[in-house]
Amino acid sequence: MIITPFLVIFMIIVFVLLFLFFNTVDKRKWLTAIISLVLTPFAYFYVFYPFINIISNHHHQKYFDSEAWIEKPALRYEMIDNTIESDTLIGASKETVRNLLGKEEWLSWNDAIKNHDINKWNYGLGIEPGAFNDKRDCVEIIFKDNKVAELRPYEEIITFEKNEEE
């Protein structure tokens, strides 16, 4: 465990809150201080820290890895930022993209031709962890002259189909 100023500040806050709570139960300061000191790590790591992780939207960023992209589609959101920033796919041919990312999951709809656009491939990136996240991340890969011209990330609302038997 790495002790950071953030950790120390929040541990002090948790200690003070526990001390104030136990002080209402028992007026012996020495006993309240000892109990608060012992319970602070437990309260921090088993109550406060998990709560912060649930409501925050932080996730680890990873470098693009073709094998991980294909094998773990639910974790693609960890790789997409690096893929876009590094221009890993820009200028790649359709065949190269298909070898790196696998077959496109769906094609975008083009109203002008009233059909799917074979130059706009889409891949699902998974759902970023978080308590209030109701959207799924996706990326649209746009080809021009059979080369990748742009990667456009977007979010779509998660919908659940209702079973008609219910």
N, C-alpha and C. Protein backbone atom coordinates (compact mmCIF):
# COMPACT_ATOMS: atom_id res chain seq x y z
N MET A 1 0.85 -1.18 0.00
CA MET A 1 0.00 0.00 0.00
C MET A 1 0.89 1.24 0.00
N ILE A 2 0.56 2.19 -0.82
CA ILE A 2 1.30 3.44 -0.91
C ILE A 2 0.56 4.48 -0.10
N ILE A 3 1.28 5.11 0.82
CA ILE A 3 0.67 6.14 1.66
C ILE A 3 0.80 7.47 0.92
N THR A 4 -0.34 8.04 0.59
CA THR A 4 -0.39 9.30 -0.14
C THR A 4 -1.04 10.37 0.73
N PRO A 5 -0.84 11.64 0.41
CA PRO A 5 -1.52 12.69 1.18
C PRO A 5 -3.05 12.54 1.16
N PHE A 6 -3.58 12.11 0.03
CA PHE A 6 -5.02 11.87 -0.08
C PHE A 6 -5.48 10.82 0.93
N LEU A 7 -4.73 9.73 1.02
CA LEU A 7 -5.06 8.66 1.97
C LEU A 7 -5.00 9.18 3.40
N VAL A 8 -3.95 9.91 3.74
CA VAL A 8 -3.77 10.42 5.10
C VAL A 8 -4.91 11.38 5.46
N ILE A 9 -5.25 12.28 4.55
CA ILE A 9 -6.32 13.26 4.82
C ILE A 9 -7.65 12.54 5.07
N PHE A 10 -7.96 11.58 4.22
CA PHE A 10 -9.23 10.87 4.40
C PHE A 10 -9.23 9.95 5.62
N MET A 11 -8.09 9.40 5.95
CA MET A 11 -8.02 8.60 7.18
C MET A 11 -8.24 9.50 8.40
N ILE A 12 -7.70 10.71 8.37
CA ILE A 12 -7.91 11.65 9.47
C ILE A 12 -9.39 12.02 9.57
N ILE A 13 -10.03 12.25 8.42
CA ILE A 13 -11.46 12.58 8.41
C ILE A 13 -12.27 11.43 8.99
N VAL A 14 -11.97 10.21 8.59
CA VAL A 14 -12.68 9.04 9.11
C VAL A 14 -12.43 8.89 10.61
N PHE A 15 -11.17 9.12 11.05
CA PHE A 15 -10.86 9.05 12.49
C PHE A 15 -11.68 10.07 13.28
N VAL A 16 -11.72 11.30 12.79
CA VAL A 16 -12.46 12.36 13.49
C VAL A 16 -13.94 12.01 13.57
N LEU A 17 -14.51 11.53 12.47
CA LEU A 17 -15.93 11.16 12.48
C LEU A 17 -16.20 10.03 13.46
N LEU A 18 -15.33 9.01 13.46
CA LEU A 18 -15.51 7.91 14.41
C LEU A 18 -15.33 8.39 15.85
N PHE A 19 -14.34 9.24 16.07
CA PHE A 19 -14.10 9.78 17.41
C PHE A 19 -15.32 10.54 17.91
N LEU A 20 -15.89 11.39 17.04
CA LEU A 20 -17.08 12.15 17.43
C LEU A 20 -18.27 11.23 17.69
N PHE A 21 -18.41 10.19 16.88
CA PHE A 21 -19.51 9.25 17.10
C PHE A 21 -19.34 8.50 18.42
N PHE A 22 -18.15 7.94 18.66
CA PHE A 22 -17.93 7.17 19.89
C PHE A 22 -17.93 8.08 21.12
N ASN A 23 -17.64 9.35 20.94
CA ASN A 23 -17.67 10.29 22.06
C ASN A 23 -19.10 10.51 22.54
N THR A 24 -20.07 10.33 21.65
CA THR A 24 -21.48 10.46 22.08
C THR A 24 -21.92 9.23 22.88
N VAL A 25 -21.25 8.10 22.66
CA VAL A 25 -21.61 6.87 23.35
C VAL A 25 -20.93 6.76 24.70
N ASP A 26 -19.65 7.13 24.74
CA ASP A 26 -18.87 6.99 25.98
C ASP A 26 -18.00 8.24 26.13
N LYS A 27 -17.99 8.83 27.32
CA LYS A 27 -17.27 10.09 27.53
C LYS A 27 -15.81 9.89 27.92
N ARG A 28 -15.34 8.65 28.04
CA ARG A 28 -13.93 8.42 28.36
C ARG A 28 -13.10 8.64 27.10
N LYS A 29 -12.35 9.76 27.06
CA LYS A 29 -11.61 10.17 25.87
C LYS A 29 -10.57 9.12 25.47
N TRP A 30 -9.87 8.54 26.41
CA TRP A 30 -8.81 7.58 26.09
C TRP A 30 -9.39 6.34 25.43
N LEU A 31 -10.53 5.87 25.90
CA LEU A 31 -11.16 4.69 25.31
C LEU A 31 -11.73 5.02 23.93
N THR A 32 -12.34 6.19 23.81
CA THR A 32 -12.88 6.62 22.52
C THR A 32 -11.76 6.75 21.49
N ALA A 33 -10.62 7.30 21.89
CA ALA A 33 -9.48 7.47 20.98
C ALA A 33 -8.93 6.12 20.54
N ILE A 34 -8.80 5.17 21.46
CA ILE A 34 -8.28 3.84 21.11
C ILE A 34 -9.22 3.12 20.17
N ILE A 35 -10.50 3.14 20.47
CA ILE A 35 -11.48 2.46 19.61
C ILE A 35 -11.49 3.10 18.22
N SER A 36 -11.46 4.43 18.17
CA SER A 36 -11.44 5.13 16.89
C SER A 36 -10.18 4.80 16.11
N LEU A 37 -9.06 4.75 16.79
CA LEU A 37 -7.79 4.45 16.14
C LEU A 37 -7.78 3.03 15.56
N VAL A 38 -8.35 2.08 16.28
CA VAL A 38 -8.40 0.69 15.81
C VAL A 38 -9.41 0.53 14.67
N LEU A 39 -10.55 1.18 14.77
CA LEU A 39 -11.60 1.00 13.78
C LEU A 39 -11.43 1.86 12.52
N THR A 40 -10.60 2.88 12.56
CA THR A 40 -10.42 3.76 11.40
C THR A 40 -9.98 3.01 10.14
N PRO A 41 -8.94 2.16 10.19
CA PRO A 41 -8.56 1.44 8.95
C PRO A 41 -9.70 0.56 8.41
N PHE A 42 -10.43 -0.10 9.31
CA PHE A 42 -11.54 -0.94 8.86
C PHE A 42 -12.65 -0.10 8.23
N ALA A 43 -13.00 0.99 8.89
CA ALA A 43 -14.05 1.86 8.36
C ALA A 43 -13.63 2.46 7.03
N TYR A 44 -12.36 2.83 6.92
CA TYR A 44 -11.89 3.44 5.67
C TYR A 44 -11.89 2.43 4.54
N PHE A 45 -11.24 1.25 4.75
CA PHE A 45 -11.06 0.30 3.67
C PHE A 45 -12.27 -0.57 3.36
N TYR A 46 -13.20 -0.69 4.31
CA TYR A 46 -14.36 -1.54 4.07
C TYR A 46 -15.67 -0.75 3.89
N VAL A 47 -15.67 0.54 4.17
CA VAL A 47 -16.88 1.34 4.00
C VAL A 47 -16.62 2.53 3.07
N PHE A 48 -15.70 3.41 3.48
CA PHE A 48 -15.48 4.66 2.74
C PHE A 48 -14.86 4.41 1.37
N TYR A 49 -13.77 3.66 1.30
CA TYR A 49 -13.05 3.42 0.04
C TYR A 49 -13.93 2.70 -0.99
N PRO A 50 -14.64 1.62 -0.64
CA PRO A 50 -15.54 0.99 -1.63
C PRO A 50 -16.65 1.94 -2.11
N PHE A 51 -17.17 2.75 -1.20
CA PHE A 51 -18.20 3.71 -1.60
C PHE A 51 -17.66 4.70 -2.62
N ILE A 52 -16.46 5.21 -2.41
CA ILE A 52 -15.83 6.14 -3.36
C ILE A 52 -15.63 5.45 -4.71
N ASN A 53 -15.20 4.19 -4.72
CA ASN A 53 -15.00 3.46 -5.97
C ASN A 53 -16.30 3.20 -6.71
N ILE A 54 -17.39 3.04 -5.98
CA ILE A 54 -18.68 2.79 -6.62
C ILE A 54 -19.19 4.05 -7.31
N ILE A 55 -19.07 5.20 -6.66
CA ILE A 55 -19.63 6.42 -7.24
C ILE A 55 -18.68 7.11 -8.21
N SER A 56 -17.39 6.80 -8.15
CA SER A 56 -16.46 7.43 -9.09
C SER A 56 -16.43 6.65 -10.40
N ASN A 57 -15.94 7.29 -11.44
CA ASN A 57 -15.94 6.68 -12.76
C ASN A 57 -14.51 6.50 -13.26
N HIS A 58 -13.61 6.16 -12.39
CA HIS A 58 -12.20 6.00 -12.76
C HIS A 58 -11.93 4.56 -13.18
N HIS A 59 -11.19 4.39 -14.26
CA HIS A 59 -10.77 3.06 -14.68
C HIS A 59 -9.36 3.14 -15.22
N HIS A 60 -8.70 2.02 -15.24
CA HIS A 60 -7.32 1.96 -15.69
C HIS A 60 -7.27 2.07 -17.21
N GLN A 61 -6.27 2.79 -17.69
CA GLN A 61 -6.04 2.90 -19.12
C GLN A 61 -4.97 1.88 -19.51
N LYS A 62 -5.17 1.22 -20.62
CA LYS A 62 -4.21 0.23 -21.11
C LYS A 62 -3.83 0.55 -22.54
N TYR A 63 -2.67 0.07 -22.93
CA TYR A 63 -2.24 0.21 -24.32
C TYR A 63 -3.02 -0.78 -25.17
N PHE A 64 -3.15 -0.46 -26.44
CA PHE A 64 -3.89 -1.33 -27.35
C PHE A 64 -3.18 -2.67 -27.48
N ASP A 65 -3.96 -3.75 -27.38
CA ASP A 65 -3.46 -5.11 -27.54
C ASP A 65 -4.53 -5.88 -28.31
N SER A 66 -4.19 -6.30 -29.51
CA SER A 66 -5.15 -6.95 -30.39
C SER A 66 -5.74 -8.21 -29.76
N GLU A 67 -4.90 -9.00 -29.12
CA GLU A 67 -5.38 -10.25 -28.51
C GLU A 67 -6.38 -9.97 -27.39
N ALA A 68 -6.07 -8.98 -26.54
CA ALA A 68 -6.99 -8.62 -25.45
C ALA A 68 -8.28 -8.02 -26.00
N TRP A 69 -8.18 -7.26 -27.09
CA TRP A 69 -9.37 -6.66 -27.72
C TRP A 69 -10.35 -7.73 -28.15
N ILE A 70 -9.83 -8.78 -28.76
CA ILE A 70 -10.68 -9.85 -29.28
C ILE A 70 -11.18 -10.76 -28.15
N GLU A 71 -10.31 -11.09 -27.21
CA GLU A 71 -10.67 -12.04 -26.15
C GLU A 71 -11.54 -11.44 -25.04
N LYS A 72 -11.39 -10.14 -24.76
CA LYS A 72 -12.13 -9.51 -23.66
C LYS A 72 -12.86 -8.26 -24.15
N PRO A 73 -13.93 -8.43 -24.92
CA PRO A 73 -14.63 -7.25 -25.46
C PRO A 73 -15.23 -6.34 -24.40
N ALA A 74 -15.51 -6.86 -23.22
CA ALA A 74 -16.11 -6.03 -22.17
C ALA A 74 -15.11 -5.04 -21.58
N LEU A 75 -13.82 -5.24 -21.84
CA LEU A 75 -12.79 -4.36 -21.29
C LEU A 75 -12.12 -3.48 -22.35
N ARG A 76 -12.74 -3.37 -23.51
CA ARG A 76 -12.15 -2.56 -24.58
C ARG A 76 -12.09 -1.08 -24.22
N TYR A 77 -13.01 -0.62 -23.36
CA TYR A 77 -13.02 0.79 -22.97
C TYR A 77 -11.69 1.20 -22.34
N GLU A 78 -10.94 0.23 -21.78
CA GLU A 78 -9.65 0.54 -21.17
C GLU A 78 -8.59 0.85 -22.23
N MET A 79 -8.77 0.36 -23.46
CA MET A 79 -7.77 0.52 -24.51
C MET A 79 -8.10 1.62 -25.51
N ILE A 80 -9.35 2.04 -25.59
CA ILE A 80 -9.75 2.90 -26.70
C ILE A 80 -9.12 4.28 -26.64
N ASP A 81 -8.95 4.85 -25.44
CA ASP A 81 -8.36 6.19 -25.35
C ASP A 81 -6.94 6.19 -25.91
N ASN A 82 -6.15 5.19 -25.54
CA ASN A 82 -4.79 5.10 -26.07
C ASN A 82 -4.79 4.85 -27.57
N THR A 83 -5.72 4.05 -28.04
CA THR A 83 -5.81 3.75 -29.47
C THR A 83 -6.11 5.02 -30.28
N ILE A 84 -7.00 5.85 -29.77
CA ILE A 84 -7.35 7.09 -30.47
C ILE A 84 -6.20 8.10 -30.39
N GLU A 85 -5.63 8.28 -29.19
CA GLU A 85 -4.57 9.27 -29.01
C GLU A 85 -3.31 8.94 -29.80
N SER A 86 -2.99 7.66 -29.91
CA SER A 86 -1.75 7.27 -30.58
C SER A 86 -1.92 7.08 -32.09
N ASP A 87 -3.13 7.25 -32.59
CA ASP A 87 -3.40 7.04 -34.03
C ASP A 87 -2.97 5.65 -34.49
N THR A 88 -3.17 4.66 -33.64
CA THR A 88 -2.76 3.28 -33.94
C THR A 88 -3.40 2.77 -35.22
N LEU A 89 -4.66 3.08 -35.42
CA LEU A 89 -5.39 2.53 -36.57
C LEU A 89 -5.52 3.49 -37.75
N ILE A 90 -5.20 4.75 -37.57
CA ILE A 90 -5.36 5.73 -38.65
C ILE A 90 -4.47 5.32 -39.83
N GLY A 91 -5.08 5.24 -40.99
CA GLY A 91 -4.36 4.87 -42.21
C GLY A 91 -4.30 3.38 -42.46
N ALA A 92 -4.83 2.58 -41.54
CA ALA A 92 -4.80 1.12 -41.71
C ALA A 92 -5.89 0.69 -42.69
N SER A 93 -5.64 -0.36 -43.41
CA SER A 93 -6.62 -0.87 -44.37
C SER A 93 -7.71 -1.65 -43.63
N LYS A 94 -8.80 -1.92 -44.35
CA LYS A 94 -9.90 -2.71 -43.76
C LYS A 94 -9.41 -4.08 -43.34
N GLU A 95 -8.57 -4.69 -44.15
CA GLU A 95 -8.05 -6.02 -43.83
C GLU A 95 -7.21 -5.99 -42.56
N THR A 96 -6.37 -4.97 -42.42
CA THR A 96 -5.55 -4.83 -41.21
C THR A 96 -6.43 -4.64 -39.98
N VAL A 97 -7.44 -3.79 -40.10
CA VAL A 97 -8.35 -3.55 -38.98
C VAL A 97 -9.08 -4.83 -38.62
N ARG A 98 -9.54 -5.58 -39.61
CA ARG A 98 -10.24 -6.84 -39.35
C ARG A 98 -9.29 -7.84 -38.66
N ASN A 99 -8.01 -7.85 -39.02
CA ASN A 99 -7.05 -8.74 -38.37
C ASN A 99 -6.77 -8.31 -36.93
N LEU A 100 -6.72 -6.99 -36.69
CA LEU A 100 -6.42 -6.49 -35.35
C LEU A 100 -7.62 -6.53 -34.41
N LEU A 101 -8.80 -6.15 -34.92
CA LEU A 101 -9.98 -6.01 -34.07
C LEU A 101 -11.02 -7.12 -34.22
N GLY A 102 -10.86 -7.92 -35.24
CA GLY A 102 -11.88 -8.92 -35.52
C GLY A 102 -12.94 -8.34 -36.43
N LYS A 103 -13.88 -9.18 -36.82
CA LYS A 103 -14.96 -8.74 -37.72
C LYS A 103 -15.78 -7.64 -37.06
N GLU A 104 -16.20 -6.67 -37.84
CA GLU A 104 -17.01 -5.57 -37.30
C GLU A 104 -18.26 -6.15 -36.65
N GLU A 105 -18.70 -5.52 -35.58
CA GLU A 105 -19.86 -6.02 -34.86
C GLU A 105 -21.16 -5.56 -35.50
N TRP A 106 -21.18 -4.34 -36.03
CA TRP A 106 -22.32 -3.86 -36.79
C TRP A 106 -21.86 -2.69 -37.65
N LEU A 107 -22.66 -2.40 -38.67
CA LEU A 107 -22.38 -1.30 -39.58
C LEU A 107 -23.36 -0.16 -39.29
N SER A 108 -22.90 1.07 -39.47
CA SER A 108 -23.78 2.22 -39.27
C SER A 108 -24.80 2.30 -40.40
N TRP A 109 -25.93 2.88 -40.08
CA TRP A 109 -26.99 3.05 -41.08
C TRP A 109 -26.75 4.36 -41.83
N ASN A 110 -26.93 4.33 -43.14
CA ASN A 110 -26.78 5.52 -43.96
C ASN A 110 -28.14 5.83 -44.58
N ASP A 111 -28.74 6.95 -44.17
CA ASP A 111 -30.07 7.33 -44.68
C ASP A 111 -30.05 7.66 -46.17
N ALA A 112 -28.91 8.13 -46.67
CA ALA A 112 -28.83 8.53 -48.07
C ALA A 112 -29.01 7.33 -49.00
N ILE A 113 -28.43 6.19 -48.61
CA ILE A 113 -28.54 5.00 -49.46
C ILE A 113 -29.57 4.01 -48.93
N LYS A 114 -30.17 4.33 -47.77
CA LYS A 114 -31.18 3.47 -47.14
C LYS A 114 -30.65 2.05 -46.91
N ASN A 115 -29.42 1.99 -46.45
CA ASN A 115 -28.78 0.70 -46.19
C ASN A 115 -27.62 0.92 -45.23
N HIS A 116 -27.02 -0.18 -44.80
CA HIS A 116 -25.86 -0.09 -43.94
C HIS A 116 -24.67 0.41 -44.74
N ASP A 117 -23.86 1.24 -44.09
CA ASP A 117 -22.68 1.83 -44.74
C ASP A 117 -21.48 0.93 -44.48
N ILE A 118 -20.92 0.34 -45.52
CA ILE A 118 -19.79 -0.59 -45.35
C ILE A 118 -18.49 0.13 -45.00
N ASN A 119 -18.52 1.46 -44.96
CA ASN A 119 -17.35 2.24 -44.59
C ASN A 119 -17.42 2.79 -43.17
N LYS A 120 -18.40 2.33 -42.40
CA LYS A 120 -18.53 2.75 -41.00
C LYS A 120 -18.76 1.52 -40.14
N TRP A 121 -17.67 1.03 -39.57
CA TRP A 121 -17.72 -0.16 -38.72
C TRP A 121 -17.88 0.27 -37.26
N ASN A 122 -18.61 -0.54 -36.51
CA ASN A 122 -18.82 -0.25 -35.09
C ASN A 122 -18.40 -1.44 -34.24
N TYR A 123 -17.84 -1.11 -33.09
CA TYR A 123 -17.45 -2.12 -32.10
C TYR A 123 -17.95 -1.66 -30.73
N GLY A 124 -18.46 -2.59 -29.95
CA GLY A 124 -18.84 -2.30 -28.57
C GLY A 124 -17.59 -2.31 -27.71
N LEU A 125 -17.53 -1.38 -26.77
CA LEU A 125 -16.35 -1.26 -25.90
C LEU A 125 -16.60 -1.75 -24.49
N GLY A 126 -17.81 -2.10 -24.18
CA GLY A 126 -18.12 -2.53 -22.82
C GLY A 126 -18.74 -1.39 -22.02
N ILE A 127 -18.99 -1.66 -20.77
CA ILE A 127 -19.62 -0.70 -19.87
C ILE A 127 -18.61 -0.30 -18.81
N GLU A 128 -18.32 0.99 -18.73
CA GLU A 128 -17.39 1.47 -17.70
C GLU A 128 -18.02 1.26 -16.33
N PRO A 129 -17.23 0.81 -15.36
CA PRO A 129 -17.78 0.60 -14.03
C PRO A 129 -18.20 1.92 -13.39
N GLY A 130 -19.22 1.86 -12.59
CA GLY A 130 -19.72 3.03 -11.88
C GLY A 130 -21.17 2.80 -11.50
N ALA A 131 -21.56 3.39 -10.40
CA ALA A 131 -22.91 3.15 -9.89
C ALA A 131 -23.98 3.80 -10.74
N PHE A 132 -23.68 4.92 -11.35
CA PHE A 132 -24.70 5.67 -12.06
C PHE A 132 -24.50 5.63 -13.57
N ASN A 133 -23.83 4.62 -14.05
CA ASN A 133 -23.55 4.51 -15.47
C ASN A 133 -24.65 3.71 -16.16
N ASP A 134 -25.38 4.36 -17.05
CA ASP A 134 -26.45 3.68 -17.77
C ASP A 134 -26.17 3.67 -19.27
N LYS A 135 -24.89 3.87 -19.63
CA LYS A 135 -24.54 3.91 -21.04
C LYS A 135 -23.43 2.92 -21.36
N ARG A 136 -23.46 2.44 -22.57
CA ARG A 136 -22.45 1.50 -23.07
C ARG A 136 -21.57 2.27 -24.05
N ASP A 137 -20.26 2.09 -23.94
CA ASP A 137 -19.33 2.77 -24.83
C ASP A 137 -19.17 1.98 -26.13
N CYS A 138 -19.06 2.72 -27.23
CA CYS A 138 -18.87 2.13 -28.56
C CYS A 138 -17.88 2.99 -29.32
N VAL A 139 -17.36 2.46 -30.40
CA VAL A 139 -16.51 3.24 -31.29
C VAL A 139 -16.93 2.96 -32.72
N GLU A 140 -16.97 4.03 -33.51
CA GLU A 140 -17.28 3.93 -34.92
C GLU A 140 -15.98 4.21 -35.68
N ILE A 141 -15.59 3.28 -36.54
CA ILE A 141 -14.39 3.44 -37.35
C ILE A 141 -14.83 3.81 -38.76
N ILE A 142 -14.39 4.97 -39.19
CA ILE A 142 -14.82 5.50 -40.49
C ILE A 142 -13.68 5.34 -41.49
N PHE A 143 -14.01 4.70 -42.62
CA PHE A 143 -13.04 4.46 -43.68
C PHE A 143 -13.28 5.43 -44.83
N LYS A 144 -12.19 5.89 -45.42
CA LYS A 144 -12.24 6.65 -46.67
C LYS A 144 -11.17 6.07 -47.57
N ASP A 145 -11.55 5.67 -48.76
CA ASP A 145 -10.65 5.02 -49.71
C ASP A 145 -10.03 3.75 -49.11
N ASN A 146 -10.86 2.98 -48.38
CA ASN A 146 -10.46 1.72 -47.74
C ASN A 146 -9.34 1.87 -46.72
N LYS A 147 -9.17 3.06 -46.17
CA LYS A 147 -8.20 3.33 -45.10
C LYS A 147 -8.94 4.00 -43.95
N VAL A 148 -8.51 3.73 -42.71
CA VAL A 148 -9.14 4.35 -41.55
C VAL A 148 -8.87 5.84 -41.57
N ALA A 149 -9.93 6.63 -41.54
CA ALA A 149 -9.81 8.08 -41.53
C ALA A 149 -10.07 8.65 -40.14
N GLU A 150 -10.96 7.99 -39.38
CA GLU A 150 -11.35 8.54 -38.09
C GLU A 150 -11.89 7.45 -37.18
N LEU A 151 -11.62 7.59 -35.89
CA LEU A 151 -12.24 6.76 -34.86
C LEU A 151 -13.11 7.69 -34.03
N ARG A 152 -14.39 7.39 -33.97
CA ARG A 152 -15.34 8.26 -33.27
C ARG A 152 -15.98 7.49 -32.12
N PRO A 153 -15.55 7.77 -30.88
CA PRO A 153 -16.19 7.10 -29.74
C PRO A 153 -17.55 7.73 -29.45
N TYR A 154 -18.48 6.93 -28.98
CA TYR A 154 -19.80 7.43 -28.60
C TYR A 154 -20.40 6.51 -27.55
N GLU A 155 -21.45 6.99 -26.93
CA GLU A 155 -22.14 6.20 -25.91
C GLU A 155 -23.57 5.96 -26.37
N GLU A 156 -24.07 4.79 -26.03
CA GLU A 156 -25.48 4.51 -26.30
C GLU A 156 -26.13 4.03 -25.01
N ILE A 157 -27.37 4.38 -24.83
CA ILE A 157 -28.10 4.02 -23.62
C ILE A 157 -28.35 2.51 -23.61
N ILE A 158 -28.13 1.92 -22.47
CA ILE A 158 -28.36 0.48 -22.32
C ILE A 158 -29.86 0.25 -22.21
N THR A 159 -30.38 -0.59 -23.07
CA THR A 159 -31.79 -0.94 -23.01
C THR A 159 -31.91 -2.44 -22.82
N PHE A 160 -32.91 -2.82 -22.08
CA PHE A 160 -33.16 -4.22 -21.85
C PHE A 160 -34.46 -4.59 -22.53
N GLU A 161 -34.40 -5.63 -23.34
CA GLU A 161 -35.61 -6.06 -24.03
C GLU A 161 -36.53 -6.78 -23.07
N LYS A 162 -37.78 -6.45 -23.14
CA LYS A 162 -38.76 -7.08 -22.26
C LYS A 162 -39.21 -8.41 -22.86
N ASN A 163 -39.24 -9.43 -22.06
CA ASN A 163 -39.68 -10.75 -22.49
C ASN A 163 -41.20 -10.72 -22.61
N GLU A 164 -41.72 -11.11 -23.75
CA GLU A 164 -43.17 -11.03 -24.00
C GLU A 164 -43.96 -12.07 -23.21
N GLU A 165 -43.28 -13.10 -22.69
CA GLU A 165 -43.99 -14.13 -21.92
C GLU A 165 -44.39 -13.62 -20.54
N GLU A 166 -43.76 -12.56 -20.07
CA GLU A 166 -44.03 -12.06 -18.72
C GLU A 166 -45.31 -11.28 -18.66
